[in-house]
N, C-alpha and C. Protein backbone atom coordinates (compact mmCIF):
# COMPACT_ATOMS: atom_id res chain seq x y z
N MET A 1 -146.04 21.34 11.37
CA MET A 1 -146.82 20.46 11.04
C MET A 1 -148.13 20.42 12.27
N ALA A 2 -149.48 20.53 11.64
CA ALA A 2 -150.94 20.11 12.13
C ALA A 2 -151.43 19.19 12.72
N VAL A 3 -151.36 19.12 13.72
CA VAL A 3 -152.96 17.75 13.92
C VAL A 3 -154.40 18.40 13.50
N LEU A 4 -155.20 17.28 13.16
CA LEU A 4 -155.99 17.27 12.91
C LEU A 4 -157.37 16.62 13.20
N LYS A 5 -158.51 16.91 13.66
CA LYS A 5 -159.08 15.72 14.22
C LYS A 5 -160.65 15.53 13.38
N VAL A 6 -161.22 14.85 13.27
CA VAL A 6 -162.56 14.60 12.68
C VAL A 6 -163.71 14.17 13.44
N ILE A 7 -164.86 14.68 13.24
CA ILE A 7 -166.12 14.23 13.76
C ILE A 7 -167.27 14.46 13.14
N GLU A 8 -168.06 13.88 13.10
CA GLU A 8 -169.09 13.33 12.31
C GLU A 8 -170.51 14.04 12.84
N VAL A 9 -171.29 14.94 12.23
CA VAL A 9 -172.24 15.62 12.69
C VAL A 9 -173.80 14.88 12.05
N LEU A 10 -174.68 14.36 12.39
CA LEU A 10 -175.87 14.81 11.63
C LEU A 10 -176.47 15.97 11.48
N ALA A 11 -176.97 16.29 10.61
CA ALA A 11 -178.06 17.82 10.34
C ALA A 11 -179.09 17.43 9.52
N SER A 12 -180.32 18.26 9.67
CA SER A 12 -181.09 18.32 8.75
C SER A 12 -181.89 19.41 8.61
N SER A 13 -182.63 20.18 7.83
CA SER A 13 -183.03 21.09 7.19
C SER A 13 -184.31 20.55 6.98
N GLU A 14 -185.71 22.10 6.71
CA GLU A 14 -186.94 21.37 6.29
C GLU A 14 -186.72 22.23 4.15
N ASN A 15 -185.59 23.25 4.12
CA ASN A 15 -185.60 23.88 3.34
C ASN A 15 -184.67 23.14 2.46
N SER A 16 -183.26 22.89 2.62
CA SER A 16 -181.99 22.55 2.11
C SER A 16 -181.41 22.17 2.70
N TRP A 17 -180.32 21.33 1.20
CA TRP A 17 -179.17 20.64 1.63
C TRP A 17 -177.98 21.26 2.16
N GLU A 18 -178.48 22.86 1.61
CA GLU A 18 -177.65 23.62 2.07
C GLU A 18 -177.55 24.13 3.28
N GLU A 19 -178.75 24.58 3.69
CA GLU A 19 -179.11 25.02 4.93
C GLU A 19 -179.04 23.65 6.32
N ALA A 20 -178.92 22.50 5.69
CA ALA A 20 -178.82 21.47 6.22
C ALA A 20 -177.28 21.44 6.93
N ALA A 21 -176.34 21.79 5.62
CA ALA A 21 -174.62 22.10 6.32
C ALA A 21 -174.75 22.73 6.72
N ALA A 22 -175.08 23.86 6.53
CA ALA A 22 -175.07 25.08 7.22
C ALA A 22 -175.09 24.97 8.88
N ASN A 23 -176.06 24.05 9.03
CA ASN A 23 -177.09 23.84 10.38
C ASN A 23 -175.66 22.94 11.08
N ALA A 24 -175.22 22.38 10.38
CA ALA A 24 -174.14 20.94 10.71
C ALA A 24 -172.79 21.61 11.25
N LEU A 25 -173.10 22.68 10.88
CA LEU A 25 -171.60 24.04 11.00
C LEU A 25 -171.76 24.46 12.30
N ALA A 26 -172.93 25.80 12.11
CA ALA A 26 -173.47 25.92 13.35
C ALA A 26 -173.62 25.22 14.69
N HIS A 27 -173.51 24.10 14.32
CA HIS A 27 -174.21 22.83 15.69
C HIS A 27 -172.56 23.14 16.41
N ALA A 28 -171.99 22.11 15.38
CA ALA A 28 -170.23 21.93 15.85
C ALA A 28 -169.50 23.07 16.15
N SER A 29 -170.04 24.34 15.83
CA SER A 29 -169.25 26.03 16.31
C SER A 29 -169.23 25.79 17.49
N LYS A 30 -170.11 25.92 18.13
CA LYS A 30 -170.79 25.93 19.76
C LYS A 30 -169.81 25.42 20.58
N SER A 31 -169.57 24.24 20.31
CA SER A 31 -168.40 23.67 21.05
C SER A 31 -166.50 23.13 20.53
N VAL A 32 -167.00 23.51 19.15
CA VAL A 32 -165.81 23.06 18.08
C VAL A 32 -164.96 24.40 17.54
N LYS A 33 -163.61 24.46 17.91
CA LYS A 33 -162.78 25.70 17.49
C LYS A 33 -161.79 25.44 16.38
N ASN A 34 -161.58 25.89 15.67
CA ASN A 34 -160.66 26.00 14.64
C ASN A 34 -160.74 24.57 13.33
N ILE A 35 -162.13 24.90 13.10
CA ILE A 35 -162.61 24.45 11.95
C ILE A 35 -161.95 24.64 10.38
N LYS A 36 -161.78 23.60 10.43
CA LYS A 36 -160.99 24.06 8.69
C LYS A 36 -161.82 23.32 7.39
N SER A 37 -162.89 22.45 7.90
CA SER A 37 -163.42 22.07 6.57
C SER A 37 -164.47 21.07 7.00
N LEU A 38 -165.88 20.78 5.88
CA LEU A 38 -167.20 19.97 6.17
C LEU A 38 -167.21 19.25 5.05
N TYR A 39 -166.96 17.99 4.66
CA TYR A 39 -167.65 16.98 4.13
C TYR A 39 -168.48 16.24 3.99
N VAL A 40 -169.69 16.51 2.70
CA VAL A 40 -170.57 16.06 3.13
C VAL A 40 -170.72 14.09 3.32
N ASN A 41 -170.80 13.22 3.87
CA ASN A 41 -170.93 12.18 3.67
C ASN A 41 -171.72 11.11 3.31
N GLU A 42 -172.90 11.75 3.35
CA GLU A 42 -173.79 10.78 2.99
C GLU A 42 -175.04 12.34 2.99
N GLN A 43 -176.20 11.99 1.70
CA GLN A 43 -177.24 12.59 2.09
C GLN A 43 -178.74 11.59 1.67
N ASN A 44 -179.71 12.18 2.62
CA ASN A 44 -180.83 11.74 1.76
C ASN A 44 -182.15 12.15 2.60
N ALA A 45 -183.10 11.89 1.84
CA ALA A 45 -184.32 13.44 2.43
C ALA A 45 -185.94 12.16 2.80
N VAL A 46 -186.55 13.09 3.58
CA VAL A 46 -187.78 12.68 4.18
C VAL A 46 -188.62 12.56 3.28
N VAL A 47 -189.54 11.87 2.62
CA VAL A 47 -190.58 12.33 1.64
C VAL A 47 -191.80 11.58 2.43
N SER A 48 -192.98 12.93 1.97
CA SER A 48 -194.41 12.31 2.62
C SER A 48 -195.01 12.75 1.22
N ASP A 49 -196.09 12.29 1.15
CA ASP A 49 -197.25 12.86 -0.60
C ASP A 49 -196.23 12.90 -0.93
N GLY A 50 -195.20 12.68 -1.70
CA GLY A 50 -194.67 13.01 -3.26
C GLY A 50 -193.44 14.23 -3.10
N LYS A 51 -193.42 14.69 -1.59
CA LYS A 51 -192.99 15.90 -1.61
C LYS A 51 -191.77 15.75 -0.64
N ILE A 52 -190.61 16.16 -0.57
CA ILE A 52 -189.35 16.40 0.58
C ILE A 52 -190.24 16.95 1.66
N LYS A 53 -190.12 16.47 2.71
CA LYS A 53 -190.63 16.99 4.12
C LYS A 53 -189.44 17.56 4.60
N GLU A 54 -188.26 16.69 4.78
CA GLU A 54 -186.50 17.30 5.39
C GLU A 54 -185.55 16.67 4.78
N TYR A 55 -184.54 17.82 4.50
CA TYR A 55 -183.42 17.37 4.00
C TYR A 55 -182.13 17.07 5.44
N ARG A 56 -181.41 15.86 5.04
CA ARG A 56 -180.46 15.31 6.31
C ARG A 56 -179.06 14.91 5.40
N MET A 57 -177.93 14.79 6.38
CA MET A 57 -177.53 14.74 5.90
C MET A 57 -175.89 14.77 6.93
N ASN A 58 -175.05 13.79 6.66
CA ASN A 58 -173.75 12.96 7.54
C ASN A 58 -172.71 13.87 7.14
N CYS A 59 -172.77 14.50 7.94
CA CYS A 59 -171.10 14.96 7.32
C CYS A 59 -169.75 15.02 8.34
N LYS A 60 -169.19 14.98 7.69
CA LYS A 60 -167.32 15.15 8.52
C LYS A 60 -166.99 16.67 8.56
N ILE A 61 -166.51 16.73 9.96
CA ILE A 61 -166.11 18.01 10.07
C ILE A 61 -164.66 18.19 10.41
N THR A 62 -163.60 18.61 9.85
CA THR A 62 -162.40 18.50 10.45
C THR A 62 -161.74 19.74 10.99
N PHE A 63 -161.04 20.07 12.31
CA PHE A 63 -160.95 20.94 13.00
C PHE A 63 -159.19 20.97 13.56
N GLU A 64 -158.74 21.79 13.66
CA GLU A 64 -157.49 21.58 14.28
C GLU A 64 -157.26 21.75 15.36
N VAL A 65 -156.04 20.65 16.12
CA VAL A 65 -156.13 20.79 17.51
C VAL A 65 -155.16 21.72 17.82
N LYS A 66 -154.87 22.79 18.61
CA LYS A 66 -153.63 23.05 19.06
C LYS A 66 -152.98 22.35 20.46
């Protein structure tokens, strides 16, 4: 049986949702090991002059505690 823990990470990107998710994972990986999954909890965007300026997301990252 494994023990899993979930943390929330807020991330953003000027280019895409995918890059924002990758940024969340990269940031969490600096201090958390054994990451098993990333769940996108919420997405939103900053809009200016009718264009998306920043993609934002709230992610839940699950990792195994050893």
